[in-house]
Amino acid sequence: MTACLAIGAAILHLAAPGFTLSWTHSVERVEWREVWRVDPAGLSLQSASVEGSGAGMEPGPNAAFRDGRWTWPGDLTVPRLTLAASGATGGGWTLCADGECRVLGTDRGQPVTLAPC
C-alpha cells in the first residue's frame, strides 16, 4: 500500500504508509521518537518512546521500559501535524520513511506542516 505525505509545499510518496519522527528534547537532551501512519482519517500515532523521563517528558499510559527506552502505544489521530523547532536543540525533527531520513524544521520559528495528500 502506498501513501502520500505533504511536507509543507513538498510531496513525499511513501512505499508504505508509516513514518517515524524523532527529535532531541530541548531541556533533557534525550531523543523522543514517534511512529505515525498515514490513514484516510489523517495521521495516526502508532507508538511513542523516549530515552528517559524528565521535564515535560513523562512516558504515556501503559509505558514499558525496554531496550533503554520508555515505549507506549499511540492513541491519537490528527488531520495534520505542525512541527516547530525551538532553536534550543541544535537541530530539527528527523523524519524517516522507506529507509531514508531527512531533517525538517531546523530554523527556529519556521514551522513545518505534515498532512496526508
N, C-alpha and C. Protein backbone atom coordinates (compact mmCIF):
# COMPACT_ATOMS: atom_id res chain seq x y z
N MET A 1 0.84 -1.18 0.00
CA MET A 1 0.00 0.00 0.00
C MET A 1 0.89 1.25 0.00
N THR A 2 0.64 2.16 -0.88
CA THR A 2 1.41 3.39 -0.93
C THR A 2 0.63 4.50 -0.23
N ALA A 3 1.34 5.53 0.13
CA ALA A 3 0.72 6.67 0.80
C ALA A 3 1.44 7.93 0.33
N CYS A 4 0.83 9.05 0.63
CA CYS A 4 1.38 10.33 0.22
C CYS A 4 1.36 11.26 1.43
N LEU A 5 2.47 11.94 1.67
CA LEU A 5 2.59 12.85 2.80
C LEU A 5 3.02 14.21 2.29
N ALA A 6 2.23 15.23 2.57
CA ALA A 6 2.60 16.60 2.22
C ALA A 6 3.46 17.15 3.35
N ILE A 7 4.65 17.64 2.99
CA ILE A 7 5.58 18.24 3.95
C ILE A 7 5.74 19.69 3.51
N GLY A 8 4.95 20.57 4.12
CA GLY A 8 4.92 21.95 3.65
C GLY A 8 4.41 21.93 2.22
N ALA A 9 5.15 22.50 1.29
CA ALA A 9 4.75 22.54 -0.11
C ALA A 9 5.25 21.31 -0.89
N ALA A 10 6.07 20.49 -0.27
CA ALA A 10 6.62 19.31 -0.95
C ALA A 10 5.70 18.10 -0.75
N ILE A 11 5.77 17.15 -1.66
CA ILE A 11 5.00 15.92 -1.58
C ILE A 11 5.99 14.76 -1.48
N LEU A 12 5.76 13.87 -0.52
CA LEU A 12 6.58 12.68 -0.34
C LEU A 12 5.71 11.46 -0.58
N HIS A 13 6.03 10.68 -1.60
CA HIS A 13 5.30 9.45 -1.88
C HIS A 13 5.97 8.33 -1.10
N LEU A 14 5.20 7.63 -0.28
CA LEU A 14 5.72 6.58 0.59
C LEU A 14 5.36 5.21 0.04
N ALA A 15 6.31 4.29 0.01
CA ALA A 15 6.05 2.92 -0.40
C ALA A 15 5.16 2.21 0.62
N ALA A 16 5.31 2.59 1.88
CA ALA A 16 4.49 2.07 2.96
C ALA A 16 3.90 3.28 3.70
N PRO A 17 2.75 3.11 4.35
CA PRO A 17 2.09 4.28 4.95
C PRO A 17 2.69 4.77 6.27
N GLY A 18 3.76 4.15 6.75
CA GLY A 18 4.32 4.54 8.04
C GLY A 18 5.54 5.43 7.93
N PHE A 19 5.74 6.25 8.97
CA PHE A 19 6.96 7.06 9.07
C PHE A 19 7.25 7.30 10.53
N THR A 20 8.50 7.65 10.81
CA THR A 20 8.96 7.91 12.17
C THR A 20 9.43 9.35 12.26
N LEU A 21 9.04 10.01 13.35
CA LEU A 21 9.55 11.35 13.68
C LEU A 21 10.37 11.22 14.95
N SER A 22 11.54 11.85 14.97
CA SER A 22 12.33 11.88 16.20
C SER A 22 12.96 13.25 16.35
N TRP A 23 13.26 13.61 17.59
CA TRP A 23 13.88 14.89 17.89
C TRP A 23 14.53 14.82 19.26
N THR A 24 15.39 15.77 19.55
CA THR A 24 16.05 15.85 20.85
C THR A 24 15.29 16.85 21.71
N HIS A 25 14.93 16.42 22.90
CA HIS A 25 14.20 17.29 23.83
C HIS A 25 15.11 18.45 24.24
N SER A 26 14.58 19.67 24.22
CA SER A 26 15.41 20.86 24.43
C SER A 26 15.95 21.00 25.86
N VAL A 27 15.29 20.41 26.85
CA VAL A 27 15.76 20.53 28.23
C VAL A 27 16.56 19.30 28.66
N GLU A 28 15.99 18.13 28.46
CA GLU A 28 16.61 16.89 28.94
C GLU A 28 17.67 16.34 27.99
N ARG A 29 17.69 16.81 26.74
CA ARG A 29 18.69 16.40 25.75
C ARG A 29 18.70 14.90 25.47
N VAL A 30 17.51 14.29 25.43
CA VAL A 30 17.37 12.89 25.06
C VAL A 30 16.39 12.79 23.89
N GLU A 31 16.47 11.68 23.18
CA GLU A 31 15.64 11.52 21.99
C GLU A 31 14.21 11.11 22.33
N TRP A 32 13.28 11.75 21.65
CA TRP A 32 11.86 11.40 21.66
C TRP A 32 11.56 10.86 20.28
N ARG A 33 10.82 9.76 20.17
CA ARG A 33 10.53 9.15 18.87
C ARG A 33 9.06 8.77 18.80
N GLU A 34 8.44 9.05 17.67
CA GLU A 34 7.05 8.68 17.43
C GLU A 34 6.93 7.96 16.10
N VAL A 35 6.08 6.93 16.07
CA VAL A 35 5.80 6.20 14.84
C VAL A 35 4.38 6.57 14.41
N TRP A 36 4.26 7.06 13.18
CA TRP A 36 2.98 7.54 12.63
C TRP A 36 2.58 6.72 11.42
N ARG A 37 1.30 6.76 11.11
CA ARG A 37 0.75 6.09 9.93
C ARG A 37 -0.17 7.06 9.20
N VAL A 38 -0.06 7.10 7.87
CA VAL A 38 -0.95 7.90 7.05
C VAL A 38 -2.20 7.07 6.80
N ASP A 39 -3.34 7.54 7.30
CA ASP A 39 -4.62 6.85 7.16
C ASP A 39 -5.62 7.76 6.46
N PRO A 40 -6.72 7.20 5.96
CA PRO A 40 -7.74 8.05 5.34
C PRO A 40 -8.27 9.13 6.30
N ALA A 41 -8.27 8.85 7.61
CA ALA A 41 -8.77 9.82 8.60
C ALA A 41 -7.74 10.88 8.97
N GLY A 42 -6.49 10.71 8.55
CA GLY A 42 -5.44 11.67 8.90
C GLY A 42 -4.15 10.95 9.25
N LEU A 43 -3.42 11.49 10.19
CA LEU A 43 -2.17 10.90 10.68
C LEU A 43 -2.45 10.25 12.03
N SER A 44 -2.13 8.98 12.15
CA SER A 44 -2.42 8.22 13.37
C SER A 44 -1.13 7.85 14.08
N LEU A 45 -1.04 8.23 15.34
CA LEU A 45 0.12 7.88 16.17
C LEU A 45 0.02 6.41 16.54
N GLN A 46 1.03 5.63 16.15
CA GLN A 46 1.05 4.20 16.43
C GLN A 46 1.75 3.89 17.76
N SER A 47 2.85 4.60 18.02
CA SER A 47 3.58 4.40 19.28
C SER A 47 4.50 5.59 19.50
N ALA A 48 4.95 5.73 20.73
CA ALA A 48 5.90 6.78 21.09
C ALA A 48 6.90 6.19 22.07
N SER A 49 8.10 6.79 22.09
CA SER A 49 9.10 6.32 23.05
C SER A 49 10.06 7.46 23.37
N VAL A 50 10.68 7.35 24.53
CA VAL A 50 11.64 8.34 24.97
C VAL A 50 12.75 7.62 25.73
N GLU A 51 13.97 8.13 25.62
CA GLU A 51 15.12 7.50 26.26
C GLU A 51 15.14 7.69 27.77
N GLY A 52 14.41 8.63 28.30
CA GLY A 52 14.34 8.86 29.74
C GLY A 52 13.13 9.69 30.04
N SER A 53 12.95 10.03 31.28
CA SER A 53 11.83 10.90 31.64
C SER A 53 12.40 12.14 32.31
N GLY A 54 11.58 13.16 32.40
CA GLY A 54 12.04 14.41 32.99
C GLY A 54 11.10 15.53 32.63
N ALA A 55 11.60 16.73 32.57
CA ALA A 55 10.80 17.93 32.33
C ALA A 55 9.94 17.81 31.07
N GLY A 56 8.64 17.65 31.23
CA GLY A 56 7.72 17.58 30.11
C GLY A 56 7.83 16.34 29.26
N MET A 57 8.43 15.30 29.81
CA MET A 57 8.65 14.08 29.03
C MET A 57 8.16 12.84 29.74
N GLU A 58 7.05 12.94 30.42
CA GLU A 58 6.54 11.78 31.14
C GLU A 58 6.09 10.72 30.15
N PRO A 59 6.49 9.47 30.36
CA PRO A 59 6.02 8.40 29.48
C PRO A 59 4.49 8.32 29.50
N GLY A 60 3.93 7.89 28.38
CA GLY A 60 2.48 7.79 28.24
C GLY A 60 1.89 6.62 29.01
N PRO A 61 0.56 6.54 28.98
CA PRO A 61 -0.13 5.43 29.66
C PRO A 61 0.34 4.08 29.11
N ASN A 62 0.42 3.11 29.99
CA ASN A 62 0.83 1.74 29.63
C ASN A 62 2.25 1.67 29.10
N ALA A 63 3.11 2.60 29.50
CA ALA A 63 4.51 2.60 29.06
C ALA A 63 5.26 1.42 29.68
N ALA A 64 6.17 0.88 28.90
CA ALA A 64 7.04 -0.20 29.37
C ALA A 64 8.48 0.21 29.05
N PHE A 65 9.40 -0.12 29.96
CA PHE A 65 10.81 0.20 29.75
C PHE A 65 11.48 -1.01 29.12
N ARG A 66 11.96 -0.84 27.88
CA ARG A 66 12.68 -1.93 27.20
C ARG A 66 13.67 -1.33 26.23
N ASP A 67 14.78 -2.00 26.10
CA ASP A 67 15.86 -1.55 25.20
C ASP A 67 16.27 -0.11 25.46
N GLY A 68 16.28 0.29 26.74
CA GLY A 68 16.75 1.62 27.13
C GLY A 68 15.78 2.76 26.87
N ARG A 69 14.51 2.43 26.56
CA ARG A 69 13.52 3.46 26.25
C ARG A 69 12.20 3.13 26.93
N TRP A 70 11.49 4.18 27.31
CA TRP A 70 10.09 4.04 27.71
C TRP A 70 9.28 4.07 26.42
N THR A 71 8.46 3.05 26.19
CA THR A 71 7.67 2.95 24.97
C THR A 71 6.21 2.70 25.34
N TRP A 72 5.30 3.34 24.61
CA TRP A 72 3.88 3.16 24.88
C TRP A 72 3.10 3.25 23.57
N PRO A 73 1.90 2.64 23.56
CA PRO A 73 1.09 2.68 22.34
C PRO A 73 0.50 4.07 22.10
N GLY A 74 0.32 4.39 20.84
CA GLY A 74 -0.30 5.66 20.48
C GLY A 74 -1.81 5.55 20.48
N ASP A 75 -2.47 6.66 20.69
CA ASP A 75 -3.93 6.68 20.68
C ASP A 75 -4.37 8.08 20.25
N LEU A 76 -4.02 8.45 19.02
CA LEU A 76 -4.29 9.80 18.56
C LEU A 76 -4.33 9.79 17.04
N THR A 77 -5.33 10.43 16.48
CA THR A 77 -5.40 10.68 15.04
C THR A 77 -5.67 12.16 14.84
N VAL A 78 -4.86 12.79 14.00
CA VAL A 78 -4.98 14.23 13.75
C VAL A 78 -5.03 14.46 12.23
N PRO A 79 -5.67 15.54 11.79
CA PRO A 79 -5.70 15.82 10.35
C PRO A 79 -4.34 16.26 9.81
N ARG A 80 -3.50 16.85 10.68
CA ARG A 80 -2.17 17.32 10.28
C ARG A 80 -1.32 17.53 11.53
N LEU A 81 -0.02 17.57 11.33
CA LEU A 81 0.93 17.87 12.41
C LEU A 81 1.68 19.13 12.03
N THR A 82 1.86 20.03 12.98
CA THR A 82 2.68 21.21 12.76
C THR A 82 3.90 21.10 13.67
N LEU A 83 5.07 21.08 13.08
CA LEU A 83 6.33 20.93 13.81
C LEU A 83 7.03 22.28 13.84
N ALA A 84 7.42 22.70 15.02
CA ALA A 84 8.13 23.97 15.16
C ALA A 84 9.36 23.76 16.03
N ALA A 85 10.51 24.06 15.51
CA ALA A 85 11.76 23.91 16.26
C ALA A 85 11.94 25.09 17.21
N SER A 86 12.41 24.80 18.41
CA SER A 86 12.63 25.85 19.42
C SER A 86 13.94 26.60 19.19
N GLY A 87 14.86 25.98 18.47
CA GLY A 87 16.18 26.57 18.31
C GLY A 87 17.11 26.20 19.45
N ALA A 88 16.58 25.52 20.49
CA ALA A 88 17.38 25.18 21.66
C ALA A 88 18.00 23.79 21.58
N THR A 89 17.67 23.02 20.56
CA THR A 89 18.16 21.65 20.50
C THR A 89 19.34 21.47 19.56
N GLY A 90 19.63 22.44 18.74
CA GLY A 90 20.71 22.30 17.78
C GLY A 90 20.31 21.55 16.54
N GLY A 91 19.03 21.24 16.40
CA GLY A 91 18.56 20.52 15.22
C GLY A 91 17.06 20.58 15.15
N GLY A 92 16.52 20.00 14.11
CA GLY A 92 15.08 19.98 13.93
C GLY A 92 14.52 18.61 14.21
N TRP A 93 13.58 18.21 13.42
CA TRP A 93 12.90 16.93 13.50
C TRP A 93 13.47 16.03 12.42
N THR A 94 13.66 14.76 12.73
CA THR A 94 14.10 13.80 11.73
C THR A 94 12.92 12.94 11.34
N LEU A 95 12.59 12.96 10.05
CA LEU A 95 11.51 12.14 9.52
C LEU A 95 12.14 11.01 8.72
N CYS A 96 11.82 9.78 9.09
CA CYS A 96 12.34 8.62 8.38
C CYS A 96 11.18 7.82 7.80
N ALA A 97 11.33 7.46 6.52
CA ALA A 97 10.33 6.65 5.83
C ALA A 97 11.03 5.93 4.69
N ASP A 98 10.60 4.73 4.42
CA ASP A 98 11.15 3.94 3.31
C ASP A 98 12.67 3.83 3.36
N GLY A 99 13.25 3.75 4.56
CA GLY A 99 14.68 3.58 4.71
C GLY A 99 15.52 4.82 4.52
N GLU A 100 14.87 5.96 4.33
CA GLU A 100 15.59 7.23 4.17
C GLU A 100 15.13 8.22 5.23
N CYS A 101 16.04 9.08 5.67
CA CYS A 101 15.72 10.09 6.68
C CYS A 101 16.04 11.48 6.14
N ARG A 102 15.26 12.46 6.59
CA ARG A 102 15.50 13.87 6.24
C ARG A 102 15.21 14.70 7.47
N VAL A 103 15.93 15.80 7.62
CA VAL A 103 15.75 16.70 8.76
C VAL A 103 14.82 17.82 8.33
N LEU A 104 13.84 18.12 9.17
CA LEU A 104 12.85 19.17 8.92
C LEU A 104 12.90 20.20 10.03
N GLY A 105 12.51 21.42 9.74
CA GLY A 105 12.33 22.45 10.76
C GLY A 105 13.56 22.78 11.56
N THR A 106 14.70 22.93 10.92
CA THR A 106 15.92 23.23 11.66
C THR A 106 16.00 24.70 12.08
N ASP A 107 15.28 25.58 11.40
CA ASP A 107 15.33 27.00 11.73
C ASP A 107 14.26 27.36 12.74
N ARG A 108 14.66 28.04 13.79
CA ARG A 108 13.74 28.47 14.84
C ARG A 108 12.64 29.33 14.22
N GLY A 109 11.40 29.04 14.62
CA GLY A 109 10.27 29.83 14.18
C GLY A 109 9.77 29.50 12.78
N GLN A 110 10.36 28.50 12.14
CA GLN A 110 9.93 28.08 10.81
C GLN A 110 9.15 26.77 10.93
N PRO A 111 7.85 26.83 11.22
CA PRO A 111 7.09 25.58 11.37
C PRO A 111 6.95 24.84 10.05
N VAL A 112 6.83 23.52 10.16
CA VAL A 112 6.63 22.64 9.02
C VAL A 112 5.35 21.85 9.30
N THR A 113 4.46 21.80 8.32
CA THR A 113 3.22 21.05 8.48
C THR A 113 3.28 19.76 7.70
N LEU A 114 2.87 18.66 8.35
CA LEU A 114 2.76 17.35 7.73
C LEU A 114 1.28 17.01 7.62
N ALA A 115 0.84 16.54 6.46
CA ALA A 115 -0.55 16.17 6.27
C ALA A 115 -0.66 15.11 5.18
N PRO A 116 -1.69 14.26 5.25
CA PRO A 116 -1.91 13.33 4.14
C PRO A 116 -2.24 14.12 2.87
N CYS A 117 -1.88 13.58 1.72
CA CYS A 117 -2.20 14.23 0.43
C CYS A 117 -3.61 13.84 0.00
